[in-house]
C-alpha atoms as a PDB file:
ATOM      1  CA  MET A   1      -3.433 -13.497 -13.869  1.00  0.00           C
ATOM      2  CA  ILE A   2      -3.851  -9.891 -12.784  1.00  0.00           C
ATOM      3  CA  SER A   3      -2.028  -7.300 -14.095  1.00  0.00           C
ATOM      4  CA  ARG A   4      -3.713  -4.004 -15.211  1.00  0.00           C
ATOM      5  CA  THR A   5      -2.145  -0.492 -14.949  1.00  0.00           C
ATOM      6  CA  ILE A   6      -4.752   1.753 -14.737  1.00  0.00           C
ATOM      7  CA  GLY A   7      -2.578   4.734 -14.293  1.00  0.00           C
ATOM      8  CA  TYR A   8       1.140   5.688 -13.034  1.00  0.00           C
ATOM      9  CA  TRP A   9       2.764   6.042 -10.299  1.00  0.00           C
ATOM     10  CA  PHE A  10       5.573   9.001 -10.233  1.00  0.00           C
ATOM     11  CA  ILE A  11       7.743  10.106  -7.180  1.00  0.00           C
ATOM     12  CA  GLY A  12      10.252  12.181  -7.851  1.00  0.00           C
ATOM     13  CA  GLY A  13      13.618  12.910  -6.723  1.00  0.00           C
ATOM     14  CA  MET A  14      12.309  15.396  -3.716  1.00  0.00           C
ATOM     15  CA  LEU A  15      10.792  12.811  -1.409  1.00  0.00           C
ATOM     16  CA  VAL A  16      12.108  14.000   2.170  1.00  0.00           C
ATOM     17  CA  ALA A  17      12.341  12.264   5.546  1.00  0.00           C
ATOM     18  CA  ALA A  18       9.360  11.574   7.175  1.00  0.00           C
ATOM     19  CA  THR A  19      10.225  12.834  10.893  1.00  0.00           C
ATOM     20  CA  ALA A  20      11.153  16.233   8.863  1.00  0.00           C
ATOM     21  CA  CYS A  21       7.446  16.360   7.742  1.00  0.00           C
ATOM     22  CA  ALA A  22       4.595  18.480   9.804  1.00  0.00           C
ATOM     23  CA  SER A  23       1.415  16.430  10.488  1.00  0.00           C
ATOM     24  CA  LEU A  24      -1.199  17.406   8.196  1.00  0.00           C
ATOM     25  CA  PRO A  25      -5.046  17.870   9.132  1.00  0.00           C
ATOM     26  CA  SER A  26      -7.078  14.829  11.002  1.00  0.00           C
ATOM     27  CA  ARG A  27      -9.389  13.229   8.335  1.00  0.00           C
ATOM     28  CA  GLU A  28     -12.098  10.893   9.192  1.00  0.00           C
ATOM     29  CA  LEU A  29     -11.716   7.742   6.672  1.00  0.00           C
ATOM     30  CA  THR A  30     -14.524   5.352   5.754  1.00  0.00           C
ATOM     31  CA  PHE A  31     -13.622   1.726   5.980  1.00  0.00           C
ATOM     32  CA  PRO A  32     -16.119  -0.737   4.829  1.00  0.00           C
ATOM     33  CA  GLY A  33     -17.143  -3.686   7.263  1.00  0.00           C
ATOM     34  CA  LEU A  34     -16.726  -1.390  10.740  1.00  0.00           C
ATOM     35  CA  THR A  35     -19.667   0.272  11.163  1.00  0.00           C
ATOM     36  CA  PRO A  36     -20.574  -0.299  14.808  1.00  0.00           C
ATOM     37  CA  SER A  37     -24.088   1.085  15.756  1.00  0.00           C
ATOM     38  CA  PRO A  38     -24.425   4.110  17.446  1.00  0.00           C
ATOM     39  CA  SER A  39     -25.669   2.646  20.582  1.00  0.00           C
ATOM     40  CA  ASN A  40     -22.274   0.561  20.989  1.00  0.00           C
ATOM     41  CA  SER A  41     -19.552   2.486  19.133  1.00  0.00           C
ATOM     42  CA  PRO A  42     -16.221   0.844  20.937  1.00  0.00           C
ATOM     43  CA  ALA A  43     -13.457   3.760  20.862  1.00  0.00           C
ATOM     44  CA  ALA A  44     -10.288   3.075  19.176  1.00  0.00           C
ATOM     45  CA  VAL A  45      -8.402   1.784  22.546  1.00  0.00           C
ATOM     46  CA  PRO A  46      -4.427   1.856  22.286  1.00  0.00           C
ATOM     47  CA  LEU A  47      -2.740  -1.486  22.631  1.00  0.00           C
ATOM     48  CA  SER A  48      -1.038  -0.608  26.055  1.00  0.00           C
ATOM     49  CA  ASP A  49      -4.451  -0.203  27.332  1.00  0.00           C
ATOM     50  CA  VAL A  50      -5.767  -3.673  26.658  1.00  0.00           C
ATOM     51  CA  PRO A  51      -4.644  -7.190  27.827  1.00  0.00           C
ATOM     52  CA  GLU A  52      -2.533  -9.571  25.550  1.00  0.00           C
ATOM     53  CA  ASP A  53      -3.320 -12.527  24.816  1.00  0.00           C
ATOM     54  CA  THR A  54       0.051 -14.374  26.800  1.00  0.00           C
ATOM     55  CA  SER A  55      -1.387 -17.941  26.236  1.00  0.00           C
ATOM     56  CA  ASP A  56       1.669 -20.337  24.269  1.00  0.00           C
ATOM     57  CA  LYS A  57       3.534 -16.714  23.682  1.00  0.00           C
ATOM     58  CA  VAL A  58       7.070 -18.163  22.325  1.00  0.00           C
ATOM     59  CA  GLN A  59       8.184 -14.778  20.655  1.00  0.00           C
ATOM     60  CA  PRO A  60      10.145 -12.174  22.238  1.00  0.00           C
ATOM     61  CA  ASP A  61       8.378  -9.098  23.716  1.00  0.00           C
ATOM     62  CA  THR A  62      11.212  -6.942  21.699  1.00  0.00           C
ATOM     63  CA  LYS A  63      14.107  -7.506  19.352  1.00  0.00           C
ATOM     64  CA  ILE A  64      16.276  -5.573  17.769  1.00  0.00           C
ATOM     65  CA  ILE A  65      17.254  -5.377  13.803  1.00  0.00           C
ATOM     66  CA  THR A  66      19.293  -3.365  11.768  1.00  0.00           C
ATOM     67  CA  MET A  67      18.006  -1.957   8.508  1.00  0.00           C
ATOM     68  CA  SER A  68      18.389   0.848   6.044  1.00  0.00           C
ATOM     69  CA  LEU A  69      17.051   3.727   6.579  1.00  0.00           C
ATOM     70  CA  GLU A  70      17.047   7.205   4.585  1.00  0.00           C
ATOM     71  CA  GLY A  71      20.846   6.061   3.176  1.00  0.00           C
ATOM     72  CA  GLU A  72      21.767   4.769   6.845  1.00  0.00           C
ATOM     73  CA  ALA A  73      22.351   1.757   8.541  1.00  0.00           C
ATOM     74  CA  GLN A  74      20.841   2.266  11.642  1.00  0.00           C
ATOM     75  CA  GLU A  75      19.666  -0.513  14.779  1.00  0.00           C
ATOM     76  CA  VAL A  76      15.784  -0.447  14.852  1.00  0.00           C
ATOM     77  CA  GLU A  77      14.105  -1.395  18.075  1.00  0.00           C
ATOM     78  CA  LEU A  78      10.946  -3.766  17.347  1.00  0.00           C
ATOM     79  CA  ARG A  79       7.977  -4.600  19.821  1.00  0.00           C
ATOM     80  CA  LEU A  80       5.809  -7.548  19.536  1.00  0.00           C
ATOM     81  CA  PHE A  81       2.018  -6.830  18.380  1.00  0.00           C
ATOM     82  CA  GLN A  82      -0.297  -9.771  20.267  1.00  0.00           C
ATOM     83  CA  HIS A  83      -3.641  -9.285  20.781  1.00  0.00           C
ATOM     84  CA  ARG A  84      -6.740 -11.523  22.532  1.00  0.00           C
ATOM     85  CA  ASP A  85      -9.073 -10.050  19.673  1.00  0.00           C
ATOM     86  CA  VAL A  86      -6.453 -10.533  16.902  1.00  0.00           C
ATOM     87  CA  PRO A  87      -5.223 -13.701  14.997  1.00  0.00           C
ATOM     88  CA  PHE A  88      -1.832 -12.349  14.358  1.00  0.00           C
ATOM     89  CA  THR A  89       0.503 -11.095  15.622  1.00  0.00           C
ATOM     90  CA  THR A  90       3.761  -9.110  14.036  1.00  0.00           C
ATOM     91  CA  TYR A  91       6.662  -6.531  15.082  1.00  0.00           C
ATOM     92  CA  TYR A  92       6.260  -3.118  14.679  1.00  0.00           C
ATOM     93  CA  PRO A  93       8.994  -0.364  15.381  1.00  0.00           C
ATOM     94  CA  ALA A  94       8.501   0.573  18.449  1.00  0.00           C
ATOM     95  CA  GLN A  95       9.773   4.504  18.428  1.00  0.00           C
ATOM     96  CA  THR A  96       7.525   5.234  15.184  1.00  0.00           C
ATOM     97  CA  PHE A  97       4.328   3.492  15.230  1.00  0.00           C
ATOM     98  CA  ILE A  98       1.444   3.496  17.816  1.00  0.00           C
ATOM     99  CA  PRO A  99      -0.968   0.286  17.432  1.00  0.00           C
ATOM    100  CA  GLU A 100      -4.289   1.073  18.504  1.00  0.00           C
ATOM    101  CA  VAL A 101      -7.570  -1.690  18.459  1.00  0.00           C
ATOM    102  CA  GLN A 102     -11.358  -1.167  17.150  1.00  0.00           C
ATOM    103  CA  THR A 103     -13.824  -3.954  17.362  1.00  0.00           C
ATOM    104  CA  SER A 104     -17.293  -4.260  15.685  1.00  0.00           C
ATOM    105  CA  ALA A 105     -19.990  -6.796  15.340  1.00  0.00           C
ATOM    106  CA  GLU A 106     -18.454  -6.597  11.624  1.00  0.00           C
ATOM    107  CA  GLY A 107     -15.031  -7.217  12.740  1.00  0.00           C
ATOM    108  CA  VAL A 108     -11.838  -6.076  13.853  1.00  0.00           C
ATOM    109  CA  HIS A 109      -9.459  -3.097  12.993  1.00  0.00           C
ATOM    110  CA  VAL A 110      -6.098  -2.836  14.174  1.00  0.00           C
ATOM    111  CA  GLN A 111      -4.130   0.981  13.379  1.00  0.00           C
ATOM    112  CA  PHE A 112      -0.512   1.391  13.352  1.00  0.00           C
ATOM    113  CA  TYR A 113      -0.265   5.618  13.117  1.00  0.00           C
ATOM    114  CA  PHE A 114       3.104   6.916  12.157  1.00  0.00           C
ATOM    115  CA  SER A 115       4.290   8.831  15.167  1.00  0.00           C
ATOM    116  CA  PRO A 116       8.173   9.624  14.879  1.00  0.00           C
ATOM    117  CA  ALA A 117       8.033  12.650  17.111  1.00  0.00           C
ATOM    118  CA  GLY A 118       5.951  10.322  19.826  1.00  0.00           C
ATOM    119  CA  VAL A 119       2.471  11.898  18.611  1.00  0.00           C
ATOM    120  CA  LYS A 120       0.356  10.158  16.288  1.00  0.00           C
ATOM    121  CA  ASN A 121      -0.279  11.138  13.036  1.00  0.00           C
ATOM    122  CA  GLU A 122      -3.539  10.409  11.903  1.00  0.00           C
ATOM    123  CA  GLN A 123      -2.436  10.921   7.832  1.00  0.00           C
ATOM    124  CA  ALA A 124      -0.139   8.193   8.229  1.00  0.00           C
ATOM    125  CA  TYR A 125      -0.478   4.834   8.786  1.00  0.00           C
ATOM    126  CA  LEU A 126      -0.781   0.761   8.145  1.00  0.00           C
ATOM    127  CA  SER A 127      -4.395  -0.868   9.129  1.00  0.00           C
ATOM    128  CA  PHE A 128      -5.817  -4.387   9.043  1.00  0.00           C
ATOM    129  CA  PHE A 129      -9.520  -5.102   8.889  1.00  0.00           C
ATOM    130  CA  MET A 130     -10.369  -8.538   9.483  1.00  0.00           C
ATOM    131  CA  PRO A 131     -14.404  -9.617   9.062  1.00  0.00           C
ATOM    132  CA  ARG A 132     -15.587 -11.660  11.767  1.00  0.00           C
ATOM    133  CA  GLN A 133     -17.991 -13.945   9.320  1.00  0.00           C
ATOM    134  CA  SER A 134     -16.707 -15.797   6.762  1.00  0.00           C
ATOM    135  CA  ALA A 135     -15.217 -14.297   3.550  1.00  0.00           C
ATOM    136  CA  ASP A 136     -14.044 -15.116   0.288  1.00  0.00           C
ATOM    137  CA  LEU A 137     -11.658 -13.412  -2.058  1.00  0.00           C
ATOM    138  CA  GLU A 138     -14.434 -11.892  -3.748  1.00  0.00           C
ATOM    139  CA  MET A 139     -16.348 -10.309  -0.777  1.00  0.00           C
ATOM    140  CA  MET A 140     -12.931  -8.714   0.302  1.00  0.00           C
ATOM    141  CA  GLN A 141     -12.660  -7.537  -3.020  1.00  0.00           C
ATOM    142  CA  GLU A 142     -16.298  -5.727  -3.223  1.00  0.00           C
ATOM    143  CA  LEU A 143     -15.305  -4.114   0.379  1.00  0.00           C
ATOM    144  CA  ILE A 144     -12.502  -2.227  -1.368  1.00  0.00           C
ATOM    145  CA  LEU A 145     -13.512  -2.063  -5.247  1.00  0.00           C
ATOM    146  CA  GLY A 146     -17.370  -2.141  -5.008  1.00  0.00           C
ATOM    147  CA  ASN A 147     -19.829   0.865  -5.131  1.00  0.00           C
ATOM    148  CA  GLN A 148     -19.788   1.318  -1.214  1.00  0.00           C
ATOM    149  CA  GLY A 149     -16.147   0.471  -1.041  1.00  0.00           C
ATOM    150  CA  LEU A 150     -12.809   1.530   0.479  1.00  0.00           C
ATOM    151  CA  LEU A 151     -11.710   3.447  -2.646  1.00  0.00           C
ATOM    152  CA  ILE A 152     -15.041   5.001  -3.919  1.00  0.00           C
ATOM    153  CA  ASN A 153     -16.120   6.134  -0.271  1.00  0.00           C
ATOM    154  CA  ASN A 154     -13.118   7.912   0.526  1.00  0.00           C
ATOM    155  CA  GLN A 155     -12.286   9.113  -2.815  1.00  0.00           C
ATOM    156  CA  TRP A 156      -8.939   7.426  -3.551  1.00  0.00           C
ATOM    157  CA  GLU A 157      -7.654   6.456  -7.040  1.00  0.00           C
ATOM    158  CA  LEU A 158      -7.022   3.164  -8.032  1.00  0.00           C
ATOM    159  CA  LEU A 159      -2.987   3.132 -10.090  1.00  0.00           C
ATOM    160  CA  ASP A 160      -2.855  -0.339 -10.246  1.00  0.00           C
ATOM    161  CA  ARG A 161      -3.714  -3.817  -9.630  1.00  0.00           C
ATOM    162  CA  THR A 162      -1.659  -6.994  -9.323  1.00  0.00           C
ATOM    163  CA  ASP A 163      -1.163 -10.649  -7.962  1.00  0.00           C
ATOM    164  CA  ILE A 164       2.560  -9.926  -8.193  1.00  0.00           C
ATOM    165  CA  VAL A 165       3.009  -9.647  -4.493  1.00  0.00           C
ATOM    166  CA  SER A 166       5.927  -9.852  -1.856  1.00  0.00           C
ATOM    167  CA  TYR A 167       4.509 -11.424   0.944  1.00  0.00           C
ATOM    168  CA  SER A 168       2.689 -15.673   1.068  1.00  0.00           C
ATOM    169  CA  TRP A 169      -0.220 -14.118   2.839  1.00  0.00           C
ATOM    170  CA  ALA A 170      -1.303 -11.816  -0.012  1.00  0.00           C
ATOM    171  CA  GLU A 171      -3.810 -12.814  -2.540  1.00  0.00           C
ATOM    172  CA  GLU A 172      -3.626  -9.544  -4.709  1.00  0.00           C
ATOM    173  CA  LYS A 173      -2.001  -5.595  -4.026  1.00  0.00           C
ATOM    174  CA  LEU A 174      -3.659  -2.879  -5.346  1.00  0.00           C
ATOM    175  CA  LEU A 175      -2.011   1.096  -5.682  1.00  0.00           C
ATOM    176  CA  TYR A 176      -3.936   3.777  -5.250  1.00  0.00           C
ATOM    177  CA  GLN A 177      -3.546   7.726  -4.671  1.00  0.00           C
ATOM    178  CA  HIS A 178      -5.757  10.603  -2.803  1.00  0.00           C
ATOM    179  CA  PRO A 179      -4.801  13.969  -4.521  1.00  0.00           C
ATOM    180  CA  LEU A 180      -5.782  17.126  -1.731  1.00  0.00           C
ATOM    181  CA  GLU A 181      -5.661  20.703  -2.257  1.00  0.00           C
ATOM    182  CA  THR A 182      -2.111  20.932  -0.380  1.00  0.00           C
ATOM    183  CA  GLU A 183      -0.588  17.572  -0.699  1.00  0.00           C
ATOM    184  CA  LEU A 184      -0.824  14.026  -2.125  1.00  0.00           C
ATOM    185  CA  ILE A 185      -1.655  10.888  -0.208  1.00  0.00           C
ATOM    186  CA  VAL A 186      -0.568   7.362  -1.542  1.00  0.00           C
ATOM    187  CA  GLY A 187      -0.724   3.979  -0.517  1.00  0.00           C
ATOM    188  CA  ALA A 188      -1.048   0.381  -1.286  1.00  0.00           C
ATOM    189  CA  ILE A 189      -3.537  -2.500  -0.492  1.00  0.00           C
ATOM    190  CA  TYR A 190      -3.373  -5.859   0.218  1.00  0.00           C
ATOM    191  CA  VAL A 191      -6.141  -8.827  -0.069  1.00  0.00           C
ATOM    192  CA  GLY A 192      -4.307 -11.373   2.229  1.00  0.00           C
ATOM    193  CA  GLU A 193      -5.511 -15.431   3.178  1.00  0.00           C
ATOM    194  CA  GLU A 194      -3.644 -16.779   5.985  1.00  0.00           C
ATOM    195  CA  ASP A 195      -4.756 -20.208   7.535  1.00  0.00           C
ATOM    196  CA  GLY A 196      -8.350 -19.464   6.791  1.00  0.00           C
ATOM    197  CA  HIS A 197      -8.423 -15.906   7.751  1.00  0.00           C
ATOM    198  CA  LEU A 198      -9.637 -13.317   5.017  1.00  0.00           C
ATOM    199  CA  PHE A 199      -8.327  -9.854   5.599  1.00  0.00           C
ATOM    200  CA  TYR A 200      -7.180  -6.634   3.995  1.00  0.00           C
ATOM    201  CA  THR A 201      -4.123  -4.297   5.085  1.00  0.00           C
ATOM    202  CA  LEU A 202      -3.515  -1.057   3.326  1.00  0.00           C
ATOM    203  CA  THR A 203      -1.095   1.590   4.202  1.00  0.00           C
ATOM    204  CA  HIS A 204      -1.994   5.292   3.856  1.00  0.00           C
ATOM    205  CA  TYR A 205       0.722   8.335   4.004  1.00  0.00           C
ATOM    206  CA  PRO A 206       1.621  11.582   2.423  1.00  0.00           C
ATOM    207  CA  VAL A 207       3.908  10.735  -0.293  1.00  0.00           C
ATOM    208  CA  GLU A 208       7.018  13.246   0.886  1.00  0.00           C
ATOM    209  CA  TYR A 209       6.890  10.468   3.877  1.00  0.00           C
ATOM    210  CA  VAL A 210       7.854   7.878   1.747  1.00  0.00           C
ATOM    211  CA  ASP A 211      11.523   7.268   2.923  1.00  0.00           C
ATOM    212  CA  GLY A 212      10.770   7.162   6.276  1.00  0.00           C
ATOM    213  CA  PHE A 213       7.315   5.439   6.194  1.00  0.00           C
ATOM    214  CA  GLU A 214       7.807   2.508   4.077  1.00  0.00           C
ATOM    215  CA  PRO A 215      10.400   0.741   5.228  1.00  0.00           C
ATOM    216  CA  ARG A 216       9.245   1.107   8.526  1.00  0.00           C
ATOM    217  CA  SER A 217       6.103   0.031   7.841  1.00  0.00           C
ATOM    218  CA  ASN A 218       7.490  -2.918   5.701  1.00  0.00           C
ATOM    219  CA  ILE A 219       8.674  -4.508   9.015  1.00  0.00           C
ATOM    220  CA  ILE A 220       5.404  -5.046  10.049  1.00  0.00           C
ATOM    221  CA  TRP A 221       4.237  -7.332   7.296  1.00  0.00           C
ATOM    222  CA  GLU A 222       7.094  -8.752   6.441  1.00  0.00           C
ATOM    223  CA  ASN A 223       6.430 -10.115  10.532  1.00  0.00           C
ATOM    224  CA  LEU A 224       3.064 -11.181   9.945  1.00  0.00           C
ATOM    225  CA  GLN A 225       2.103 -14.518  11.848  1.00  0.00           C
ATOM    226  CA  PHE A 226      -1.006 -16.588  12.211  1.00  0.00           C
END
């Protein structure tokens, strides 16, 4: 059982709804395992521009759920995410996220950008990385915690690490923060395995977005199917 607290994450009572927050300046991050060669560097492609995998499709394209957002019950339309290069499907809030898919020789990177005003916010997202080659749990942990891993490359501070997780596909959960001059970025990283697929998935957002971002982004993890 892994359960070691490396720091404490206090989020005060001054959190405000994400939709009221201005977007932060774009900042390029480093994702280990996604390093296409300069001669063949694919741009991220919005999901609407890429053909879906419609084989054996039994899930509805959209569905409506009722959930609590900022203390109020609201109906939210969910849209099916399904892509030929991605080994899973899920649903995401159609009005507040924009999905993009990027592929390389190393793997597949899926990014759900938070966009409550219809504009992609590159500081707030949920992402997945799935390596093409076989990987075990130790290798995935190295991509995150190693000397050239996700945390060190992006100067993220590890706060907590545990194997007490909320999802059947998750093996381990890590919490991190990234203090900036004018903002505090926070998020969670899961190392996952399902049906032989090893992957990691994470959230990244300004701390004041928590009330609007977290419940909406959790829908993507809750509906994950391989």
